[in-house]
Every structure is written in structure tokens, then in C-alpha cells.
Amino acid sequence: MRRRVKQSVPLRDRLLAFIHAMRERAELAPPGRERDALLKKVKKAETAMEVEQRVNSSGQQEPPE
């Protein structure tokens, strides 16, 4: 059975910290694969934050087009 860990920091805050750290690393990285990979991680984290926000919102919302 899996142990469940109670997170002390909300997901939104953890995602924001991750996005900030990855953007800083991407700014310092030279153009190339590493920088592209970091920016891809930022985009995925931003998408995860949007999904988390919709899931936790009080009303139903249509996704933006």
C-alpha cells in the first residue's frame, strides 16, 4: 500500500516556485537543447497550474480557445 504524504505547501505555490526556478535556469543557459527542455518544463507546469485552478474553482468554466 502507498503511503500518503500530506503536503504542507499548496500545489499552486509549489508550481509557482518551480516555474520561477526553471525560468531563471533557462535565462542563464545558452541557446540549445538544455534551454529548450527547461522552457518545455515551464510550459507544462503552467498548464498544470491552469488545470489545478479550474479543478479547484467554484464554478464550471469552458476552456479558453
N, C-alpha and C. Protein backbone atom coordinates (compact mmCIF):
# COMPACT_ATOMS: atom_id res chain seq x y z
N MET A 1 0.84 -1.17 0.00
CA MET A 1 0.00 0.00 0.00
C MET A 1 0.90 1.25 0.00
N ARG A 2 0.45 2.26 -0.71
CA ARG A 2 1.19 3.51 -0.80
C ARG A 2 0.95 4.39 0.41
N ARG A 3 2.00 4.99 0.90
CA ARG A 3 1.84 5.96 1.98
C ARG A 3 1.46 7.30 1.39
N ARG A 4 0.53 7.92 2.02
CA ARG A 4 0.09 9.24 1.57
C ARG A 4 0.78 10.31 2.40
N VAL A 5 1.37 11.26 1.72
CA VAL A 5 2.08 12.34 2.40
C VAL A 5 1.23 13.60 2.32
N LYS A 6 0.99 14.20 3.45
CA LYS A 6 0.23 15.45 3.50
C LYS A 6 1.19 16.59 3.15
N GLN A 7 0.88 17.30 2.07
CA GLN A 7 1.72 18.40 1.63
C GLN A 7 1.45 19.64 2.49
N SER A 8 2.52 20.26 2.96
CA SER A 8 2.36 21.45 3.79
C SER A 8 2.27 22.72 2.95
N VAL A 9 2.76 22.65 1.71
CA VAL A 9 2.72 23.80 0.81
C VAL A 9 1.73 23.48 -0.31
N PRO A 10 0.79 24.37 -0.60
CA PRO A 10 -0.20 24.11 -1.64
C PRO A 10 0.46 23.88 -3.01
N LEU A 11 -0.21 23.10 -3.85
CA LEU A 11 0.30 22.78 -5.18
C LEU A 11 0.59 24.05 -5.97
N ARG A 12 -0.29 25.01 -5.91
CA ARG A 12 -0.11 26.26 -6.67
C ARG A 12 1.21 26.92 -6.29
N ASP A 13 1.51 26.98 -5.00
CA ASP A 13 2.75 27.61 -4.55
C ASP A 13 3.98 26.82 -5.00
N ARG A 14 3.88 25.49 -4.94
CA ARG A 14 5.00 24.66 -5.39
C ARG A 14 5.23 24.82 -6.89
N LEU A 15 4.13 24.90 -7.66
CA LEU A 15 4.26 25.09 -9.10
C LEU A 15 4.87 26.46 -9.42
N LEU A 16 4.42 27.50 -8.72
CA LEU A 16 4.99 28.83 -8.95
C LEU A 16 6.49 28.86 -8.65
N ALA A 17 6.90 28.22 -7.58
CA ALA A 17 8.32 28.18 -7.23
C ALA A 17 9.11 27.42 -8.29
N PHE A 18 8.55 26.31 -8.77
CA PHE A 18 9.20 25.51 -9.81
C PHE A 18 9.34 26.32 -11.10
N ILE A 19 8.25 27.00 -11.50
CA ILE A 19 8.27 27.81 -12.72
C ILE A 19 9.33 28.90 -12.61
N HIS A 20 9.37 29.57 -11.48
CA HIS A 20 10.35 30.64 -11.27
C HIS A 20 11.78 30.09 -11.38
N ALA A 21 12.04 28.98 -10.73
CA ALA A 21 13.39 28.40 -10.74
C ALA A 21 13.79 27.95 -12.14
N MET A 22 12.88 27.33 -12.87
CA MET A 22 13.19 26.85 -14.22
C MET A 22 13.41 28.02 -15.18
N ARG A 23 12.64 29.09 -15.02
CA ARG A 23 12.83 30.28 -15.88
C ARG A 23 14.21 30.90 -15.64
N GLU A 24 14.61 30.97 -14.37
CA GLU A 24 15.93 31.51 -14.04
C GLU A 24 17.03 30.67 -14.67
N ARG A 25 16.90 29.34 -14.56
CA ARG A 25 17.90 28.45 -15.15
C ARG A 25 17.92 28.59 -16.66
N ALA A 26 16.74 28.74 -17.28
CA ALA A 26 16.67 28.88 -18.73
C ALA A 26 17.32 30.18 -19.19
N GLU A 27 17.15 31.25 -18.42
CA GLU A 27 17.77 32.53 -18.78
C GLU A 27 19.29 32.44 -18.76
N LEU A 28 19.83 31.65 -17.85
CA LEU A 28 21.28 31.51 -17.73
C LEU A 28 21.86 30.50 -18.72
N ALA A 29 21.03 29.60 -19.21
CA ALA A 29 21.50 28.56 -20.12
C ALA A 29 21.71 29.12 -21.52
N PRO A 30 22.75 28.63 -22.20
CA PRO A 30 22.94 29.06 -23.59
C PRO A 30 21.85 28.46 -24.47
N PRO A 31 21.56 29.11 -25.60
CA PRO A 31 20.55 28.53 -26.51
C PRO A 31 20.94 27.10 -26.89
N GLY A 32 19.95 26.23 -26.90
CA GLY A 32 20.22 24.84 -27.23
C GLY A 32 19.21 23.91 -26.59
N ARG A 33 19.58 22.64 -26.56
CA ARG A 33 18.67 21.61 -26.06
C ARG A 33 18.30 21.78 -24.60
N GLU A 34 19.29 22.09 -23.77
CA GLU A 34 19.02 22.23 -22.33
C GLU A 34 18.02 23.36 -22.07
N ARG A 35 18.26 24.49 -22.71
CA ARG A 35 17.36 25.64 -22.54
C ARG A 35 15.95 25.30 -23.04
N ASP A 36 15.87 24.64 -24.20
CA ASP A 36 14.57 24.24 -24.74
C ASP A 36 13.84 23.30 -23.79
N ALA A 37 14.58 22.37 -23.18
CA ALA A 37 13.97 21.42 -22.24
C ALA A 37 13.45 22.15 -21.00
N LEU A 38 14.20 23.13 -20.52
CA LEU A 38 13.77 23.89 -19.35
C LEU A 38 12.50 24.69 -19.66
N LEU A 39 12.46 25.31 -20.83
CA LEU A 39 11.27 26.08 -21.21
C LEU A 39 10.06 25.18 -21.42
N LYS A 40 10.31 23.97 -21.88
CA LYS A 40 9.22 23.00 -22.05
C LYS A 40 8.65 22.62 -20.68
N LYS A 41 9.52 22.45 -19.69
CA LYS A 41 9.07 22.14 -18.33
C LYS A 41 8.24 23.29 -17.76
N VAL A 42 8.66 24.52 -18.06
CA VAL A 42 7.91 25.69 -17.60
C VAL A 42 6.51 25.67 -18.18
N LYS A 43 6.40 25.41 -19.48
CA LYS A 43 5.10 25.38 -20.15
C LYS A 43 4.20 24.30 -19.54
N LYS A 44 4.75 23.12 -19.28
CA LYS A 44 3.97 22.04 -18.68
C LYS A 44 3.50 22.41 -17.27
N ALA A 45 4.36 23.06 -16.51
CA ALA A 45 3.99 23.47 -15.15
C ALA A 45 2.91 24.54 -15.19
N GLU A 46 2.99 25.46 -16.17
CA GLU A 46 1.95 26.48 -16.31
C GLU A 46 0.61 25.84 -16.67
N THR A 47 0.65 24.83 -17.53
CA THR A 47 -0.57 24.11 -17.89
C THR A 47 -1.14 23.39 -16.67
N ALA A 48 -0.27 22.76 -15.89
CA ALA A 48 -0.72 22.08 -14.67
C ALA A 48 -1.36 23.06 -13.70
N MET A 49 -0.81 24.26 -13.62
CA MET A 49 -1.37 25.27 -12.72
C MET A 49 -2.75 25.71 -13.20
N GLU A 50 -2.93 25.85 -14.51
CA GLU A 50 -4.24 26.21 -15.06
C GLU A 50 -5.27 25.12 -14.78
N VAL A 51 -4.87 23.87 -14.96
CA VAL A 51 -5.78 22.75 -14.70
C VAL A 51 -6.15 22.71 -13.22
N GLU A 52 -5.16 22.86 -12.36
CA GLU A 52 -5.41 22.85 -10.91
C GLU A 52 -6.35 23.98 -10.53
N GLN A 53 -6.19 25.13 -11.14
CA GLN A 53 -7.05 26.28 -10.85
C GLN A 53 -8.48 25.99 -11.28
N ARG A 54 -8.67 25.40 -12.44
CA ARG A 54 -10.02 25.07 -12.91
C ARG A 54 -10.68 24.01 -12.03
N VAL A 55 -9.91 23.02 -11.64
CA VAL A 55 -10.45 21.94 -10.81
C VAL A 55 -10.91 22.49 -9.46
N ASN A 56 -10.15 23.43 -8.93
CA ASN A 56 -10.47 23.97 -7.61
C ASN A 56 -11.38 25.19 -7.64
N SER A 57 -11.80 25.63 -8.83
CA SER A 57 -12.69 26.78 -8.90
C SER A 57 -14.11 26.36 -8.52
N SER A 58 -14.90 27.32 -8.10
CA SER A 58 -16.24 27.02 -7.61
C SER A 58 -17.25 26.78 -8.73
N GLY A 59 -17.02 27.32 -9.91
CA GLY A 59 -17.98 27.17 -11.00
C GLY A 59 -17.37 26.47 -12.19
N GLN A 60 -18.23 25.96 -13.05
CA GLN A 60 -17.76 25.32 -14.27
C GLN A 60 -17.32 26.39 -15.26
N GLN A 61 -16.18 26.19 -15.89
CA GLN A 61 -15.68 27.14 -16.86
C GLN A 61 -15.32 26.40 -18.14
N GLU A 62 -15.58 27.05 -19.25
CA GLU A 62 -15.16 26.50 -20.53
C GLU A 62 -13.69 26.82 -20.73
N PRO A 63 -12.93 25.90 -21.30
CA PRO A 63 -11.53 26.21 -21.57
C PRO A 63 -11.41 27.31 -22.62
N PRO A 64 -10.41 28.17 -22.50
CA PRO A 64 -10.24 29.24 -23.50
C PRO A 64 -9.85 28.66 -24.84
N GLU A 65 -10.28 29.32 -25.90
CA GLU A 65 -9.96 28.83 -27.25
C GLU A 65 -8.84 29.59 -27.86
